[in-house]
Amino acid sequence: MARVSVEYRNHIAHVTLTRGDKMNALDDAMIKAILAAGQEVAASDARAVVLSGEGKSFCAGLDMASFAAMAHKDPTEWLMTRSHDDANEMQELALIWRRVQVPVICAIQGVAYGGGLQIALGADIRIAHPDAKLAVMEMKWGIIPDMGGMVLLPKLVRSDVLRMLTYTARPIGAAQAADWGLVTSLSDDPLTEAIALAEDIAGKSPSAIRAAKRLIEVAETKSRAEVLLAESAEQVELIGKPDQMEVVMAQMQGRKPEFK
């Protein structure tokens, strides 16, 4: 059975985890399907991405069969191989959404535990149902978060919060997650809210949106001098170009811009 669906509507890529009867828990087939979906979307002309899970939960993390399979794998070969640039296959599940050149909005309902939470953290923005639960769950199974979580979490939460979540594996509610920075906002209908936000973003200059995502990544990881230079370099490629001129004309004429 397919584990992930990808649909394109109004310049938006809708990526849906489709193992709802299993709380979208991750098995090998789903891992490969998520990576394939991310690569497909990255190569598309989509202007925004909505990432969601069908059924009652976004993603409950690795399924029990996957945990059992760990005992039969060589962890060194499996995890130390850099198969996706600077990441291994498991880390790429989260980081692929940062490599996608346009904003990714994740809708969270039910639970986002362990690997499911780390996938959600790869999105630019997370909208959660007030009843959703999130957890850095790995310690429950005697392991540590290793799907890109330690690249993403320190940029979102304070050190003491990161340590408490990691050491205890305790689930937290969506309101607490929002207060700590794991969740962007709450909504009684996170998928509808995510689609509306994606539509707003898709109506902006495609080249400026892609430049903004690149620039934010530089701003979060590079030195002051590199950030200042990147600001200038990105702006040079926008000013006076077709997308920017269309934005200006649309503003002056009181209409929505139309990008080629």
Protein backbone atom coordinates (compact mmCIF):
# COMPACT_ATOMS: atom_id res chain seq x y z
CA MET A 1 0.00 0.00 0.00
CA ALA A 2 1.08 3.57 -0.62
CA ARG A 3 2.37 5.24 2.50
CA VAL A 4 2.42 8.86 1.27
CA SER A 5 0.36 10.79 -1.27
CA VAL A 6 1.44 13.95 -3.10
CA GLU A 7 -1.12 16.18 -4.78
CA TYR A 8 -0.68 19.62 -6.39
CA ARG A 9 -3.43 22.24 -6.23
CA ASN A 10 -3.13 25.99 -6.80
CA HIS A 11 0.69 25.86 -6.79
CA ILE A 12 0.66 24.02 -3.41
CA ALA A 13 2.06 20.52 -2.86
CA HIS A 14 -0.09 18.55 -0.41
CA VAL A 15 2.01 15.77 1.14
CA THR A 16 -0.06 13.38 3.26
CA LEU A 17 1.10 10.43 5.36
CA THR A 18 -1.47 7.75 4.51
CA ARG A 19 -1.01 5.05 7.13
CA GLY A 20 -3.78 6.46 9.30
CA ASP A 21 -4.88 3.07 10.65
CA LYS A 22 -1.42 2.76 12.26
CA MET A 23 -1.23 6.40 13.47
CA ASN A 24 1.10 6.96 10.49
CA ALA A 25 3.83 5.08 12.34
CA LEU A 26 7.08 4.80 10.43
CA ASP A 27 8.10 1.55 8.81
CA ASP A 28 10.68 1.05 6.08
CA ALA A 29 8.14 1.56 3.31
CA MET A 30 6.94 4.84 4.81
CA ILE A 31 10.49 6.07 5.37
CA LYS A 32 11.28 5.54 1.70
CA ALA A 33 7.95 7.06 0.63
CA ILE A 34 8.53 10.23 2.70
CA LEU A 35 11.99 10.67 1.21
CA ALA A 36 10.64 10.13 -2.31
CA ALA A 37 7.84 12.65 -1.67
CA GLY A 38 10.30 15.24 -0.39
CA GLN A 39 12.55 14.78 -3.40
CA GLU A 40 9.59 15.03 -5.78
CA VAL A 41 8.33 18.22 -4.19
CA ALA A 42 11.83 19.72 -4.12
CA ALA A 43 12.06 19.21 -7.90
CA SER A 44 8.59 20.65 -8.57
CA ASP A 45 7.50 24.24 -9.16
CA ALA A 46 5.27 24.24 -6.06
CA ARG A 47 5.29 27.55 -4.21
CA ALA A 48 4.43 26.07 -0.78
CA VAL A 49 3.99 22.66 0.84
CA VAL A 50 1.39 21.38 3.31
CA LEU A 51 2.58 18.33 5.26
CA SER A 52 -0.06 16.36 7.17
CA GLY A 53 -1.10 12.91 8.32
CA GLU A 54 -4.44 11.23 7.68
CA GLY A 55 -6.58 9.87 10.49
CA LYS A 56 -6.34 10.61 14.19
CA SER A 57 -2.61 11.44 14.41
CA PHE A 58 0.15 13.13 12.48
CA CYS A 59 2.80 10.48 13.19
CA ALA A 60 3.46 8.26 16.21
CA GLY A 61 7.13 7.63 15.34
CA LEU A 62 8.73 4.28 14.52
CA ASP A 63 6.39 1.30 14.63
CA MET A 64 7.16 -1.71 16.82
CA ALA A 65 8.31 -3.84 13.88
CA SER A 66 10.92 -1.21 13.04
CA PHE A 67 12.23 -1.28 16.60
CA ALA A 68 12.49 -5.07 16.39
CA ALA A 69 14.34 -4.80 13.08
CA MET A 70 17.03 -2.64 14.72
CA ALA A 71 18.39 -5.75 16.45
CA HIS A 72 19.26 -7.24 13.07
CA LYS A 73 21.04 -4.19 11.63
CA ASP A 74 24.64 -3.12 11.95
CA PRO A 75 24.13 0.31 13.58
CA THR A 76 27.47 1.60 12.36
CA GLU A 77 26.77 0.82 8.71
CA TRP A 78 23.13 1.94 8.97
CA LEU A 79 23.60 5.23 10.78
CA MET A 80 27.13 6.41 10.02
CA THR A 81 26.74 6.28 6.24
CA ARG A 82 26.10 9.80 4.86
CA SER A 83 23.63 8.92 2.13
CA HIS A 84 22.04 12.38 1.72
CA ASP A 85 24.70 15.10 1.65
CA ASP A 86 25.60 15.51 5.34
CA ALA A 87 22.82 13.25 6.67
CA ASN A 88 21.89 9.58 6.83
CA GLU A 89 18.58 8.21 5.60
CA MET A 90 16.80 8.63 8.94
CA GLN A 91 18.02 12.20 9.45
CA GLU A 92 16.91 13.12 5.95
CA LEU A 93 13.28 12.37 6.93
CA ALA A 94 13.28 15.69 8.80
CA LEU A 95 15.98 17.60 6.95
CA ILE A 96 14.50 17.02 3.48
CA TRP A 97 11.81 19.59 4.37
CA ARG A 98 14.52 22.17 5.05
CA ARG A 99 16.15 21.31 1.72
CA VAL A 100 12.84 21.90 -0.11
CA GLN A 101 13.26 25.44 -1.43
CA VAL A 102 9.78 26.71 -0.49
CA PRO A 103 8.02 27.01 2.89
CA VAL A 104 6.64 23.81 4.41
CA ILE A 105 3.66 24.07 6.78
CA CYS A 106 2.94 21.03 8.96
CA ALA A 107 -0.55 20.32 10.36
CA ILE A 108 -0.46 18.29 13.59
CA GLN A 109 -3.37 16.44 15.17
CA GLY A 110 -3.35 13.58 17.66
CA VAL A 111 0.28 12.78 18.42
CA ALA A 112 3.67 13.71 17.00
CA TYR A 113 6.04 11.44 18.90
CA GLY A 114 9.71 10.62 18.40
CA GLY A 115 10.47 10.42 14.70
CA GLY A 116 7.08 11.95 13.96
CA LEU A 117 7.96 15.05 15.96
CA GLN A 118 11.35 15.33 14.26
CA ILE A 119 9.70 15.18 10.82
CA ALA A 120 7.35 17.97 11.91
CA LEU A 121 10.32 20.01 13.16
CA GLY A 122 11.74 19.92 9.64
CA ALA A 123 8.82 22.07 8.48
CA ASP A 124 9.14 25.85 8.51
CA ILE A 125 5.88 26.27 10.43
CA ARG A 126 3.80 23.91 12.63
CA ILE A 127 0.08 24.36 13.32
CA ALA A 128 -1.33 22.01 15.96
CA HIS A 129 -4.74 21.08 17.29
CA PRO A 130 -5.13 22.18 20.92
CA ASP A 131 -5.54 18.52 21.97
CA ALA A 132 -2.40 17.34 20.16
CA LYS A 133 0.46 15.77 22.12
CA LEU A 134 4.16 16.05 21.25
CA ALA A 135 7.13 14.18 22.66
CA VAL A 136 10.84 13.65 22.17
CA MET A 137 10.06 9.98 22.79
CA GLU A 138 13.34 8.21 22.08
CA MET A 139 14.50 7.89 25.70
CA LYS A 140 11.48 5.66 26.37
CA TRP A 141 13.19 3.06 24.20
CA GLY A 142 16.72 3.64 25.50
CA ILE A 143 17.93 5.68 22.53
CA ILE A 144 18.41 9.36 21.72
CA PRO A 145 16.77 11.59 19.07
CA ASP A 146 18.82 11.03 15.92
CA MET A 147 16.62 12.09 13.01
CA GLY A 148 17.92 15.64 12.73
CA GLY A 149 16.31 16.64 16.01
CA MET A 150 19.52 17.94 17.49
CA VAL A 151 20.01 20.25 14.51
CA LEU A 152 16.47 21.61 14.77
CA LEU A 153 15.50 21.56 18.46
CA PRO A 154 18.23 23.90 19.81
CA LYS A 155 16.98 26.64 17.44
CA LEU A 156 13.45 26.36 18.81
CA VAL A 157 13.63 25.79 22.57
CA ARG A 158 15.76 26.81 25.54
CA SER A 159 18.52 24.45 26.62
CA ASP A 160 16.75 23.42 29.85
CA VAL A 161 13.54 22.63 27.93
CA LEU A 162 15.49 20.62 25.36
CA ARG A 163 17.18 18.64 28.12
CA MET A 164 13.97 17.97 30.03
CA LEU A 165 12.13 16.82 26.91
CA THR A 166 15.05 14.59 25.87
CA TYR A 167 15.80 13.10 29.28
CA THR A 168 12.21 12.30 30.27
CA ALA A 169 10.39 11.44 26.99
CA ARG A 170 7.29 12.99 28.55
CA PRO A 171 4.51 14.02 26.15
CA ILE A 172 3.43 17.65 26.40
CA GLY A 173 0.23 19.35 25.27
CA ALA A 174 0.06 21.61 22.25
CA ALA A 175 -0.38 24.76 24.34
CA GLN A 176 2.82 24.01 26.27
CA ALA A 177 4.57 23.14 23.02
CA ALA A 178 3.53 26.50 21.58
CA ASP A 179 4.74 28.31 24.68
CA TRP A 180 8.12 26.60 24.42
CA GLY A 181 8.49 27.16 20.67
CA LEU A 182 7.89 23.67 19.26
CA VAL A 183 4.58 24.75 17.72
CA THR A 184 3.91 27.97 15.82
CA SER A 185 0.20 28.27 16.53
CA LEU A 186 -2.92 26.34 17.58
CA SER A 187 -6.06 25.72 15.55
CA ASP A 188 -9.18 23.62 15.94
CA ASP A 189 -8.67 22.70 12.27
CA PRO A 190 -4.90 22.68 11.71
CA LEU A 191 -5.07 21.29 8.17
CA THR A 192 -7.47 23.98 6.96
CA GLU A 193 -5.33 26.62 8.67
CA ALA A 194 -2.17 25.19 7.08
CA ILE A 195 -3.76 25.24 3.62
CA ALA A 196 -4.91 28.85 4.07
CA LEU A 197 -1.41 29.89 5.11
CA ALA A 198 0.11 28.01 2.16
CA GLU A 199 -2.31 29.79 -0.20
CA ASP A 200 -1.22 33.14 1.24
CA ILE A 201 2.44 32.27 0.73
CA ALA A 202 1.80 30.88 -2.77
CA GLY A 203 0.38 34.28 -3.76
CA LYS A 204 3.68 36.01 -2.98
CA SER A 205 6.64 36.39 -5.35
CA PRO A 206 7.95 32.84 -5.92
CA SER A 207 11.54 34.00 -6.35
CA ALA A 208 11.40 36.18 -3.22
CA ILE A 209 9.90 33.37 -1.12
CA ARG A 210 12.66 30.97 -2.20
CA ALA A 211 15.28 33.64 -1.53
CA ALA A 212 13.80 34.25 1.93
CA LYS A 213 14.00 30.56 2.84
CA ARG A 214 17.62 30.38 1.69
CA LEU A 215 18.46 33.54 3.60
CA ILE A 216 16.83 32.36 6.84
CA GLU A 217 18.87 29.16 6.68
CA VAL A 218 22.04 31.23 6.31
CA ALA A 219 20.94 33.55 9.14
CA GLU A 220 20.45 30.60 11.49
CA THR A 221 23.75 28.88 10.75
CA LYS A 222 26.38 31.34 9.52
CA SER A 223 28.47 34.23 10.80
CA ARG A 224 27.44 37.89 10.84
CA ALA A 225 29.57 38.68 7.80
CA GLU A 226 28.16 35.74 5.84
CA VAL A 227 24.58 36.74 6.70
CA LEU A 228 25.12 40.36 5.65
CA LEU A 229 26.68 39.27 2.37
CA ALA A 230 23.86 36.78 1.73
CA GLU A 231 21.25 39.50 2.32
CA SER A 232 22.85 41.66 -0.35
CA ALA A 233 23.42 38.82 -2.82
CA GLU A 234 19.84 37.58 -2.60
CA GLN A 235 18.42 41.09 -2.96
CA VAL A 236 20.51 41.78 -6.06
CA GLU A 237 18.81 38.81 -7.75
CA LEU A 238 15.31 40.12 -6.90
CA ILE A 239 15.31 43.86 -7.52
CA GLY A 240 14.02 44.78 -10.97
CA LYS A 241 13.42 41.17 -12.00
CA PRO A 242 10.06 40.01 -13.44
CA ASP A 243 8.55 38.69 -10.20
CA GLN A 244 9.41 41.83 -8.26
CA MET A 245 8.16 44.12 -11.02
CA GLU A 246 4.88 42.18 -11.15
CA VAL A 247 4.46 42.63 -7.38
CA VAL A 248 4.98 46.39 -7.72
CA MET A 249 2.56 46.69 -10.64
CA ALA A 250 -0.08 44.61 -8.86
CA GLN A 251 0.21 46.80 -5.77
CA MET A 252 -0.15 49.96 -7.83
CA GLN A 253 -3.13 48.58 -9.77
CA GLY A 254 -4.90 47.11 -6.75
CA ARG A 255 -4.94 43.52 -8.01
CA LYS A 256 -3.43 40.16 -7.21
CA PRO A 257 -0.07 39.50 -8.87
CA GLU A 258 0.16 36.89 -11.60
CA PHE A 259 3.52 35.17 -11.84
CA LYS A 260 4.78 33.33 -14.91
